[in-house]
């Protein structure tokens, strides 16, 4: 469920900027606010299909995805 929520938020935030190269970053946490290490984070296209933009979080739950135009 958390993967879906994070993916949806990243998608909504990134859509207005999809014509430009942007950086999306954040921290993935569980329901107890603990960082999730090595979680997969991927941007989704407007139709919900996966894109080639994706990374794994580090040991502190942090991720950074750089997109191109």
N, C-alpha and C. Protein backbone atom coordinates (compact mmCIF):
# COMPACT_ATOMS: atom_id res chain seq x y z
N UNK A 1 0.81 -1.19 0.00
CA UNK A 1 0.00 0.00 0.00
C UNK A 1 0.86 1.26 0.00
N UNK A 2 1.93 1.22 0.80
CA UNK A 2 2.79 2.40 0.86
C UNK A 2 3.47 2.66 -0.47
N UNK A 3 3.86 1.61 -1.18
CA UNK A 3 4.48 1.79 -2.49
C UNK A 3 3.52 2.51 -3.43
N UNK A 4 2.24 2.16 -3.37
CA UNK A 4 1.25 2.80 -4.22
C UNK A 4 1.12 4.28 -3.86
N UNK A 5 1.04 4.58 -2.57
CA UNK A 5 0.88 5.97 -2.13
C UNK A 5 2.08 6.80 -2.55
N UNK A 6 3.28 6.29 -2.33
CA UNK A 6 4.49 7.03 -2.70
C UNK A 6 4.54 7.22 -4.22
N UNK A 7 4.25 6.17 -4.97
CA UNK A 7 4.27 6.27 -6.43
C UNK A 7 3.26 7.29 -6.92
N UNK A 8 2.08 7.29 -6.33
CA UNK A 8 1.04 8.24 -6.73
C UNK A 8 1.47 9.67 -6.43
N UNK A 9 2.01 9.90 -5.25
CA UNK A 9 2.46 11.25 -4.90
C UNK A 9 3.57 11.75 -5.81
N UNK A 10 4.52 10.88 -6.11
CA UNK A 10 5.61 11.27 -7.00
C UNK A 10 5.05 11.60 -8.38
N UNK A 11 4.09 10.81 -8.85
CA UNK A 11 3.48 11.05 -10.15
C UNK A 11 2.77 12.40 -10.17
N UNK A 12 1.95 12.67 -9.18
CA UNK A 12 1.18 13.91 -9.14
C UNK A 12 2.09 15.12 -9.07
N UNK A 13 3.15 15.01 -8.29
CA UNK A 13 4.08 16.13 -8.15
C UNK A 13 4.85 16.37 -9.44
N UNK A 14 5.18 15.30 -10.15
CA UNK A 14 6.05 15.43 -11.31
C UNK A 14 5.32 15.73 -12.61
N UNK A 15 4.03 15.49 -12.71
CA UNK A 15 3.32 15.69 -13.97
C UNK A 15 3.44 17.10 -14.55
N UNK A 16 3.25 18.16 -13.78
CA UNK A 16 3.35 19.49 -14.38
C UNK A 16 4.73 19.81 -14.93
N UNK A 17 5.74 19.10 -14.49
CA UNK A 17 7.11 19.37 -14.89
C UNK A 17 7.66 18.34 -15.86
N UNK A 18 6.80 17.48 -16.39
CA UNK A 18 7.29 16.37 -17.20
C UNK A 18 7.98 16.81 -18.48
N UNK A 19 7.74 18.03 -18.94
CA UNK A 19 8.40 18.51 -20.15
C UNK A 19 9.82 18.99 -19.86
N UNK A 20 10.17 19.12 -18.61
CA UNK A 20 11.47 19.61 -18.20
C UNK A 20 12.20 18.53 -17.42
N UNK A 21 13.51 18.64 -17.37
CA UNK A 21 14.26 17.74 -16.51
C UNK A 21 14.11 18.21 -15.07
N UNK A 22 13.72 17.32 -14.19
CA UNK A 22 13.54 17.69 -12.79
C UNK A 22 14.16 16.63 -11.90
N UNK A 23 14.29 16.95 -10.63
CA UNK A 23 14.74 16.01 -9.62
C UNK A 23 13.63 15.85 -8.59
N UNK A 24 13.25 14.61 -8.36
CA UNK A 24 12.25 14.30 -7.33
C UNK A 24 12.98 13.55 -6.24
N UNK A 25 12.82 14.00 -4.99
CA UNK A 25 13.50 13.35 -3.88
C UNK A 25 12.58 13.27 -2.68
N UNK A 26 12.93 12.39 -1.77
CA UNK A 26 12.14 12.26 -0.56
C UNK A 26 12.62 11.10 0.28
N UNK A 27 11.85 10.80 1.30
CA UNK A 27 12.16 9.70 2.20
C UNK A 27 10.95 8.81 2.31
N UNK A 28 11.14 7.52 2.15
CA UNK A 28 10.06 6.55 2.28
C UNK A 28 10.06 6.06 3.72
N UNK A 29 8.88 6.16 4.36
CA UNK A 29 8.75 5.74 5.76
C UNK A 29 7.60 4.74 5.89
N UNK A 30 7.63 3.97 6.98
CA UNK A 30 6.53 3.04 7.25
C UNK A 30 5.49 3.72 8.13
N UNK A 31 4.49 2.95 8.56
CA UNK A 31 3.40 3.52 9.34
C UNK A 31 3.84 4.01 10.72
N UNK A 32 5.04 3.63 11.16
CA UNK A 32 5.59 4.10 12.43
C UNK A 32 6.64 5.19 12.25
N UNK A 33 6.70 5.75 11.04
CA UNK A 33 7.65 6.82 10.69
C UNK A 33 9.10 6.36 10.69
N UNK A 34 9.33 5.07 10.54
CA UNK A 34 10.70 4.55 10.41
C UNK A 34 11.08 4.54 8.94
N UNK A 35 12.29 4.97 8.60
CA UNK A 35 12.70 4.95 7.19
C UNK A 35 12.80 3.52 6.65
N UNK A 36 12.39 3.34 5.40
CA UNK A 36 12.48 2.03 4.75
C UNK A 36 13.71 1.99 3.87
N UNK A 37 14.66 1.15 4.23
CA UNK A 37 15.87 1.05 3.43
C UNK A 37 15.65 0.09 2.25
N UNK A 38 16.24 0.44 1.15
CA UNK A 38 16.24 -0.35 -0.08
C UNK A 38 14.85 -0.58 -0.68
N UNK A 39 13.91 0.35 -0.42
CA UNK A 39 12.58 0.28 -1.03
C UNK A 39 12.69 0.77 -2.48
N UNK A 40 11.88 0.22 -3.35
CA UNK A 40 11.87 0.65 -4.76
C UNK A 40 10.91 1.82 -4.93
N UNK A 41 11.37 2.84 -5.64
CA UNK A 41 10.55 4.01 -5.95
C UNK A 41 10.61 4.21 -7.45
N UNK A 42 9.46 4.34 -8.09
CA UNK A 42 9.43 4.48 -9.54
C UNK A 42 8.37 5.50 -9.94
N UNK A 43 8.73 6.36 -10.90
CA UNK A 43 7.75 7.30 -11.44
C UNK A 43 6.80 6.56 -12.36
N UNK A 44 5.54 6.95 -12.33
CA UNK A 44 4.54 6.36 -13.21
C UNK A 44 4.12 7.37 -14.26
N UNK A 45 3.79 6.88 -15.44
CA UNK A 45 3.26 7.75 -16.50
C UNK A 45 1.83 8.12 -16.16
N UNK A 46 1.28 9.08 -16.88
CA UNK A 46 -0.08 9.54 -16.62
C UNK A 46 -1.11 8.42 -16.73
N UNK A 47 -0.83 7.42 -17.55
CA UNK A 47 -1.76 6.29 -17.69
C UNK A 47 -1.52 5.20 -16.65
N UNK A 48 -0.62 5.45 -15.70
CA UNK A 48 -0.36 4.50 -14.64
C UNK A 48 0.70 3.47 -14.96
N UNK A 49 1.25 3.51 -16.16
CA UNK A 49 2.29 2.56 -16.55
C UNK A 49 3.65 3.00 -16.00
N UNK A 50 4.50 2.04 -15.64
CA UNK A 50 5.84 2.39 -15.13
C UNK A 50 6.67 3.10 -16.20
N UNK A 51 7.54 3.97 -15.75
CA UNK A 51 8.50 4.63 -16.64
C UNK A 51 9.88 4.03 -16.37
N UNK A 52 10.87 4.54 -17.08
CA UNK A 52 12.24 4.07 -16.86
C UNK A 52 12.91 4.82 -15.71
N UNK A 53 12.18 5.71 -15.06
CA UNK A 53 12.73 6.48 -13.95
C UNK A 53 12.40 5.79 -12.63
N UNK A 54 13.41 5.21 -12.01
CA UNK A 54 13.21 4.55 -10.74
C UNK A 54 14.52 4.32 -10.03
N UNK A 55 14.46 4.24 -8.71
CA UNK A 55 15.65 4.03 -7.88
C UNK A 55 15.25 3.23 -6.65
N UNK A 56 16.24 2.84 -5.86
CA UNK A 56 16.02 2.25 -4.54
C UNK A 56 16.44 3.28 -3.49
N UNK A 57 15.77 3.24 -2.35
CA UNK A 57 16.15 4.13 -1.27
C UNK A 57 17.47 3.66 -0.66
N UNK A 58 18.14 4.58 0.02
CA UNK A 58 19.39 4.20 0.70
C UNK A 58 19.05 3.65 2.09
N UNK A 59 20.03 3.47 2.94
CA UNK A 59 19.80 2.89 4.27
C UNK A 59 19.00 3.81 5.18
N UNK A 60 18.86 5.08 4.80
CA UNK A 60 18.06 6.03 5.58
C UNK A 60 16.70 6.28 4.95
N UNK A 61 16.33 5.50 3.92
CA UNK A 61 15.04 5.66 3.27
C UNK A 61 15.00 6.78 2.24
N UNK A 62 16.13 7.45 1.99
CA UNK A 62 16.17 8.59 1.08
C UNK A 62 16.32 8.13 -0.37
N UNK A 63 15.62 8.84 -1.27
CA UNK A 63 15.76 8.57 -2.70
C UNK A 63 15.82 9.89 -3.46
N UNK A 64 16.39 9.82 -4.65
CA UNK A 64 16.46 10.97 -5.54
C UNK A 64 16.39 10.45 -6.97
N UNK A 65 15.41 10.94 -7.73
CA UNK A 65 15.23 10.55 -9.12
C UNK A 65 15.41 11.77 -10.00
N UNK A 66 16.34 11.70 -10.94
CA UNK A 66 16.56 12.80 -11.89
C UNK A 66 15.95 12.40 -13.21
N UNK A 67 15.05 13.24 -13.73
CA UNK A 67 14.42 12.96 -15.02
C UNK A 67 15.01 13.87 -16.08
N UNK A 68 14.80 13.51 -17.31
CA UNK A 68 15.24 14.33 -18.43
C UNK A 68 14.04 14.69 -19.28
N UNK A 69 14.20 15.72 -20.08
CA UNK A 69 13.10 16.17 -20.94
C UNK A 69 12.86 15.17 -22.05
